[in-house]
Amino acid sequence: MRLAWIFLVAAAAGCASKAKPPAKTERERDSIVAQSRLPGAKGVGAALRVSDSAAARRARLDSVAQ
């Protein structure tokens, strides 16, 4: 009986869930690619800069409209 409890406790300890780090957003992944030396990384970086610029412009226009 004692051996059964040992196996039960060992099995329960082995089933403990491991905390996963939060998943990266698409923006974070693209930023990592843009900083790498992979082919096309400069294009990804340029696209991120254009996207940031457009978002900033939209924010300025929205604040003027209000």
PDB file of N, CA and C in Angstrom:
ATOM      1  N   MET A   1       0.828  -1.192   0.000  1.00  0.00           N
ATOM      2  CA  MET A   1       0.000   0.000   0.000  1.00  0.00           C
ATOM      3  C   MET A   1       0.870   1.252   0.000  1.00  0.00           C
ATOM      4  N   ARG A   2       1.938   1.222   0.787  1.00  0.00           N
ATOM      5  CA  ARG A   2       2.828   2.367   0.878  1.00  0.00           C
ATOM      6  C   ARG A   2       3.481   2.629  -0.480  1.00  0.00           C
ATOM      7  N   LEU A   3       3.821   1.586  -1.212  1.00  0.00           N
ATOM      8  CA  LEU A   3       4.442   1.720  -2.523  1.00  0.00           C
ATOM      9  C   LEU A   3       3.473   2.367  -3.510  1.00  0.00           C
ATOM     10  N   ALA A   4       2.194   2.055  -3.397  1.00  0.00           N
ATOM     11  CA  ALA A   4       1.182   2.654  -4.274  1.00  0.00           C
ATOM     12  C   ALA A   4       1.101   4.158  -4.043  1.00  0.00           C
ATOM     13  N   TRP A   5       1.165   4.591  -2.790  1.00  0.00           N
ATOM     14  CA  TRP A   5       1.126   6.023  -2.480  1.00  0.00           C
ATOM     15  C   TRP A   5       2.346   6.741  -3.047  1.00  0.00           C
ATOM     16  N   ILE A   6       3.493   6.103  -2.976  1.00  0.00           N
ATOM     17  CA  ILE A   6       4.713   6.712  -3.513  1.00  0.00           C
ATOM     18  C   ILE A   6       4.577   6.920  -5.020  1.00  0.00           C
ATOM     19  N   PHE A   7       4.067   5.903  -5.717  1.00  0.00           N
ATOM     20  CA  PHE A   7       3.865   6.034  -7.153  1.00  0.00           C
ATOM     21  C   PHE A   7       2.815   7.090  -7.479  1.00  0.00           C
ATOM     22  N   LEU A   8       1.773   7.169  -6.692  1.00  0.00           N
ATOM     23  CA  LEU A   8       0.718   8.154  -6.913  1.00  0.00           C
ATOM     24  C   LEU A   8       1.266   9.574  -6.735  1.00  0.00           C
ATOM     25  N   VAL A   9       2.028   9.780  -5.689  1.00  0.00           N
ATOM     26  CA  VAL A   9       2.614  11.105  -5.447  1.00  0.00           C
ATOM     27  C   VAL A   9       3.607  11.453  -6.549  1.00  0.00           C
ATOM     28  N   ALA A  10       4.418  10.497  -6.962  1.00  0.00           N
ATOM     29  CA  ALA A  10       5.391  10.741  -8.026  1.00  0.00           C
ATOM     30  C   ALA A  10       4.685  11.068  -9.343  1.00  0.00           C
ATOM     31  N   ALA A  11       3.601  10.378  -9.631  1.00  0.00           N
ATOM     32  CA  ALA A  11       2.856  10.633 -10.860  1.00  0.00           C
ATOM     33  C   ALA A  11       2.202  12.009 -10.822  1.00  0.00           C
ATOM     34  N   ALA A  12       1.666  12.382  -9.676  1.00  0.00           N
ATOM     35  CA  ALA A  12       1.037  13.698  -9.551  1.00  0.00           C
ATOM     36  C   ALA A  12       2.076  14.809  -9.696  1.00  0.00           C
ATOM     37  N   ALA A  13       3.252  14.607  -9.170  1.00  0.00           N
ATOM     38  CA  ALA A  13       4.311  15.618  -9.278  1.00  0.00           C
ATOM     39  C   ALA A  13       4.782  15.744 -10.723  1.00  0.00           C
ATOM     40  N   GLY A  14       4.780  14.664 -11.439  1.00  0.00           N
ATOM     41  CA  GLY A  14       5.206  14.693 -12.835  1.00  0.00           C
ATOM     42  C   GLY A  14       4.194  15.342 -13.751  1.00  0.00           C
ATOM     43  N   CYS A  15       2.949  15.443 -13.324  1.00  0.00           N
ATOM     44  CA  CYS A  15       1.893  16.024 -14.151  1.00  0.00           C
ATOM     45  C   CYS A  15       1.706  17.518 -13.892  1.00  0.00           C
ATOM     46  N   ALA A  16       2.528  18.110 -13.059  1.00  0.00           N
ATOM     47  CA  ALA A  16       2.378  19.539 -12.756  1.00  0.00           C
ATOM     48  C   ALA A  16       2.550  20.338 -14.036  1.00  0.00           C
ATOM     49  N   SER A  17       1.686  21.307 -14.228  1.00  0.00           N
ATOM     50  CA  SER A  17       1.755  22.107 -15.453  1.00  0.00           C
ATOM     51  C   SER A  17       2.924  23.088 -15.371  1.00  0.00           C
ATOM     52  N   LYS A  18       3.547  23.263 -16.504  1.00  0.00           N
ATOM     53  CA  LYS A  18       4.669  24.190 -16.581  1.00  0.00           C
ATOM     54  C   LYS A  18       4.145  25.492 -17.187  1.00  0.00           C
ATOM     55  N   ALA A  19       4.504  26.607 -16.580  1.00  0.00           N
ATOM     56  CA  ALA A  19       4.044  27.902 -17.070  1.00  0.00           C
ATOM     57  C   ALA A  19       4.765  28.234 -18.371  1.00  0.00           C
ATOM     58  N   LYS A  20       3.996  28.580 -19.391  1.00  0.00           N
ATOM     59  CA  LYS A  20       4.565  28.968 -20.668  1.00  0.00           C
ATOM     60  C   LYS A  20       4.715  30.488 -20.696  1.00  0.00           C
ATOM     61  N   PRO A  21       5.760  30.969 -21.324  1.00  0.00           N
ATOM     62  CA  PRO A  21       5.866  32.418 -21.474  1.00  0.00           C
ATOM     63  C   PRO A  21       4.772  32.907 -22.417  1.00  0.00           C
ATOM     64  N   PRO A  22       4.339  34.133 -22.265  1.00  0.00           N
ATOM     65  CA  PRO A  22       3.283  34.629 -23.149  1.00  0.00           C
ATOM     66  C   PRO A  22       3.750  34.622 -24.607  1.00  0.00           C
ATOM     67  N   ALA A  23       2.836  34.329 -25.493  1.00  0.00           N
ATOM     68  CA  ALA A  23       3.174  34.269 -26.911  1.00  0.00           C
ATOM     69  C   ALA A  23       3.497  35.663 -27.434  1.00  0.00           C
ATOM     70  N   LYS A  24       4.441  35.733 -28.343  1.00  0.00           N
ATOM     71  CA  LYS A  24       4.816  37.015 -28.925  1.00  0.00           C
ATOM     72  C   LYS A  24       3.765  37.436 -29.950  1.00  0.00           C
ATOM     73  N   THR A  25       3.554  38.735 -30.038  1.00  0.00           N
ATOM     74  CA  THR A  25       2.620  39.251 -31.024  1.00  0.00           C
ATOM     75  C   THR A  25       3.287  39.246 -32.390  1.00  0.00           C
ATOM     76  N   GLU A  26       2.505  39.424 -33.408  1.00  0.00           N
ATOM     77  CA  GLU A  26       3.050  39.463 -34.767  1.00  0.00           C
ATOM     78  C   GLU A  26       4.036  40.623 -34.900  1.00  0.00           C
ATOM     79  N   ARG A  27       3.721  41.736 -34.257  1.00  0.00           N
ATOM     80  CA  ARG A  27       4.605  42.908 -34.294  1.00  0.00           C
ATOM     81  C   ARG A  27       5.965  42.579 -33.662  1.00  0.00           C
ATOM     82  N   GLU A  28       5.959  41.880 -32.526  1.00  0.00           N
ATOM     83  CA  GLU A  28       7.203  41.516 -31.853  1.00  0.00           C
ATOM     84  C   GLU A  28       8.036  40.568 -32.715  1.00  0.00           C
ATOM     85  N   ARG A  29       7.365  39.592 -33.333  1.00  0.00           N
ATOM     86  CA  ARG A  29       8.081  38.653 -34.198  1.00  0.00           C
ATOM     87  C   ARG A  29       8.686  39.375 -35.406  1.00  0.00           C
ATOM     88  N   ASP A  30       7.918  40.291 -36.011  1.00  0.00           N
ATOM     89  CA  ASP A  30       8.422  41.042 -37.154  1.00  0.00           C
ATOM     90  C   ASP A  30       9.608  41.912 -36.763  1.00  0.00           C
ATOM     91  N   SER A  31       9.555  42.489 -35.574  1.00  0.00           N
ATOM     92  CA  SER A  31      10.658  43.321 -35.093  1.00  0.00           C
ATOM     93  C   SER A  31      11.928  42.492 -34.926  1.00  0.00           C
ATOM     94  N   ILE A  32      11.779  41.277 -34.427  1.00  0.00           N
ATOM     95  CA  ILE A  32      12.930  40.382 -34.272  1.00  0.00           C
ATOM     96  C   ILE A  32      13.512  40.044 -35.640  1.00  0.00           C
ATOM     97  N   VAL A  33      12.648  39.756 -36.602  1.00  0.00           N
ATOM     98  CA  VAL A  33      13.116  39.436 -37.953  1.00  0.00           C
ATOM     99  C   VAL A  33      13.823  40.647 -38.559  1.00  0.00           C
ATOM    100  N   ALA A  34      13.265  41.847 -38.353  1.00  0.00           N
ATOM    101  CA  ALA A  34      13.849  43.056 -38.923  1.00  0.00           C
ATOM    102  C   ALA A  34      15.246  43.322 -38.383  1.00  0.00           C
ATOM    103  N   GLN A  35      15.525  42.901 -37.170  1.00  0.00           N
ATOM    104  CA  GLN A  35      16.841  43.118 -36.569  1.00  0.00           C
ATOM    105  C   GLN A  35      17.835  42.017 -36.916  1.00  0.00           C
ATOM    106  N   SER A  36      17.378  40.998 -37.608  1.00  0.00           N
ATOM    107  CA  SER A  36      18.257  39.879 -37.940  1.00  0.00           C
ATOM    108  C   SER A  36      19.003  40.157 -39.243  1.00  0.00           C
ATOM    109  N   ARG A  37      19.817  39.205 -39.609  1.00  0.00           N
ATOM    110  CA  ARG A  37      20.577  39.324 -40.858  1.00  0.00           C
ATOM    111  C   ARG A  37      19.984  38.417 -41.935  1.00  0.00           C
ATOM    112  N   LEU A  38      18.742  38.037 -41.780  1.00  0.00           N
ATOM    113  CA  LEU A  38      18.083  37.187 -42.765  1.00  0.00           C
ATOM    114  C   LEU A  38      17.814  37.965 -44.049  1.00  0.00           C
ATOM    115  N   PRO A  39      17.750  37.261 -45.175  1.00  0.00           N
ATOM    116  CA  PRO A  39      17.382  37.945 -46.422  1.00  0.00           C
ATOM    117  C   PRO A  39      15.970  38.524 -46.286  1.00  0.00           C
ATOM    118  N   GLY A  40      15.815  39.772 -46.681  1.00  0.00           N
ATOM    119  CA  GLY A  40      14.515  40.420 -46.599  1.00  0.00           C
ATOM    120  C   GLY A  40      14.255  41.124 -45.282  1.00  0.00           C
ATOM    121  N   ALA A  41      15.198  41.047 -44.358  1.00  0.00           N
ATOM    122  CA  ALA A  41      14.997  41.675 -43.047  1.00  0.00           C
ATOM    123  C   ALA A  41      14.890  43.183 -43.165  1.00  0.00           C
ATOM    124  N   LYS A  42      15.646  43.771 -44.081  1.00  0.00           N
ATOM    125  CA  LYS A  42      15.568  45.222 -44.273  1.00  0.00           C
ATOM    126  C   LYS A  42      14.177  45.623 -44.765  1.00  0.00           C
ATOM    127  N   GLY A  43      13.594  44.799 -45.612  1.00  0.00           N
ATOM    128  CA  GLY A  43      12.241  45.078 -46.108  1.00  0.00           C
ATOM    129  C   GLY A  43      11.211  45.009 -45.000  1.00  0.00           C
ATOM    130  N   VAL A  44      11.384  44.059 -44.102  1.00  0.00           N
ATOM    131  CA  VAL A  44      10.471  43.942 -42.959  1.00  0.00           C
ATOM    132  C   VAL A  44      10.610  45.171 -42.071  1.00  0.00           C
ATOM    133  N   GLY A  45      11.845  45.615 -41.838  1.00  0.00           N
ATOM    134  CA  GLY A  45      12.069  46.807 -41.030  1.00  0.00           C
ATOM    135  C   GLY A  45      11.457  48.042 -41.661  1.00  0.00           C
ATOM    136  N   ALA A  46      11.602  48.165 -42.985  1.00  0.00           N
ATOM    137  CA  ALA A  46      11.019  49.303 -43.687  1.00  0.00           C
ATOM    138  C   ALA A  46       9.499  49.279 -43.592  1.00  0.00           C
ATOM    139  N   ALA A  47       8.918  48.106 -43.716  1.00  0.00           N
ATOM    140  CA  ALA A  47       7.462  47.992 -43.607  1.00  0.00           C
ATOM    141  C   ALA A  47       6.986  48.363 -42.206  1.00  0.00           C
ATOM    142  N   LEU A  48       7.743  47.994 -41.196  1.00  0.00           N
ATOM    143  CA  LEU A  48       7.377  48.372 -39.828  1.00  0.00           C
ATOM    144  C   LEU A  48       7.447  49.882 -39.636  1.00  0.00           C
ATOM    145  N   ARG A  49       8.471  50.515 -40.201  1.00  0.00           N
ATOM    146  CA  ARG A  49       8.591  51.981 -40.088  1.00  0.00           C
ATOM    147  C   ARG A  49       7.434  52.671 -40.795  1.00  0.00           C
ATOM    148  N   VAL A  50       7.049  52.189 -41.977  1.00  0.00           N
ATOM    149  CA  VAL A  50       5.919  52.775 -42.713  1.00  0.00           C
ATOM    150  C   VAL A  50       4.630  52.592 -41.909  1.00  0.00           C
ATOM    151  N   SER A  51       4.464  51.421 -41.329  1.00  0.00           N
ATOM    152  CA  SER A  51       3.277  51.152 -40.516  1.00  0.00           C
ATOM    153  C   SER A  51       3.225  52.078 -39.298  1.00  0.00           C
ATOM    154  N   ASP A  52       4.361  52.272 -38.649  1.00  0.00           N
ATOM    155  CA  ASP A  52       4.419  53.178 -37.494  1.00  0.00           C
ATOM    156  C   ASP A  52       4.088  54.606 -37.905  1.00  0.00           C
ATOM    157  N   SER A  53       4.618  55.022 -39.033  1.00  0.00           N
ATOM    158  CA  SER A  53       4.377  56.374 -39.523  1.00  0.00           C
ATOM    159  C   SER A  53       2.892  56.583 -39.830  1.00  0.00           C
ATOM    160  N   ALA A  54       2.284  55.599 -40.474  1.00  0.00           N
ATOM    161  CA  ALA A  54       0.859  55.702 -40.801  1.00  0.00           C
ATOM    162  C   ALA A  54       0.000  55.714 -39.539  1.00  0.00           C
ATOM    163  N   ALA A  55       0.369  54.917 -38.556  1.00  0.00           N
ATOM    164  CA  ALA A  55      -0.388  54.887 -37.306  1.00  0.00           C
ATOM    165  C   ALA A  55      -0.270  56.220 -36.571  1.00  0.00           C
ATOM    166  N   ALA A  56       0.930  56.805 -36.586  1.00  0.00           N
ATOM    167  CA  ALA A  56       1.117  58.111 -35.937  1.00  0.00           C
ATOM    168  C   ALA A  56       0.312  59.184 -36.651  1.00  0.00           C
ATOM    169  N   ARG A  57       0.287  59.130 -37.978  1.00  0.00           N
ATOM    170  CA  ARG A  57      -0.491  60.113 -38.746  1.00  0.00           C
ATOM    171  C   ARG A  57      -1.981  59.969 -38.459  1.00  0.00           C
ATOM    172  N   ARG A  58      -2.462  58.732 -38.424  1.00  0.00           N
ATOM    173  CA  ARG A  58      -3.882  58.506 -38.102  1.00  0.00           C
ATOM    174  C   ARG A  58      -4.215  59.041 -36.718  1.00  0.00           C
ATOM    175  N   ALA A  59      -3.321  58.827 -35.758  1.00  0.00           N
ATOM    176  CA  ALA A  59      -3.553  59.305 -34.401  1.00  0.00           C
ATOM    177  C   ALA A  59      -3.619  60.834 -34.382  1.00  0.00           C
ATOM    178  N   ARG A  60      -2.733  61.491 -35.135  1.00  0.00           N
ATOM    179  CA  ARG A  60      -2.763  62.957 -35.191  1.00  0.00           C
ATOM    180  C   ARG A  60      -4.061  63.455 -35.816  1.00  0.00           C
ATOM    181  N   LEU A  61      -4.474  62.805 -36.916  1.00  0.00           N
ATOM    182  CA  LEU A  61      -5.722  63.208 -37.579  1.00  0.00           C
ATOM    183  C   LEU A  61      -6.934  62.972 -36.678  1.00  0.00           C
ATOM    184  N   ASP A  62      -6.925  61.887 -35.940  1.00  0.00           N
ATOM    185  CA  ASP A  62      -8.033  61.602 -35.028  1.00  0.00           C
ATOM    186  C   ASP A  62      -8.101  62.640 -33.920  1.00  0.00           C
ATOM    187  N   SER A  63      -6.947  63.055 -33.420  1.00  0.00           N
ATOM    188  CA  SER A  63      -6.958  64.036 -32.329  1.00  0.00           C
ATOM    189  C   SER A  63      -7.404  65.408 -32.819  1.00  0.00           C
ATOM    190  N   VAL A  64      -7.104  65.741 -34.080  1.00  0.00           N
ATOM    191  CA  VAL A  64      -7.540  67.013 -34.654  1.00  0.00           C
ATOM    192  C   VAL A  64      -9.049  66.981 -34.867  1.00  0.00           C
ATOM    193  N   ALA A  65      -9.577  65.844 -35.290  1.00  0.00           N
ATOM    194  CA  ALA A  65     -11.006  65.728 -35.574  1.00  0.00           C
ATOM    195  C   ALA A  65     -11.857  65.824 -34.326  1.00  0.00           C
ATOM    196  N   GLN A  66     -11.283  65.534 -33.177  1.00  0.00           N
ATOM    197  CA  GLN A  66     -12.070  65.575 -31.944  1.00  0.00           C
ATOM    198  C   GLN A  66     -12.026  66.909 -31.393  1.00  0.00           C
TER     199      GLN A  66
END
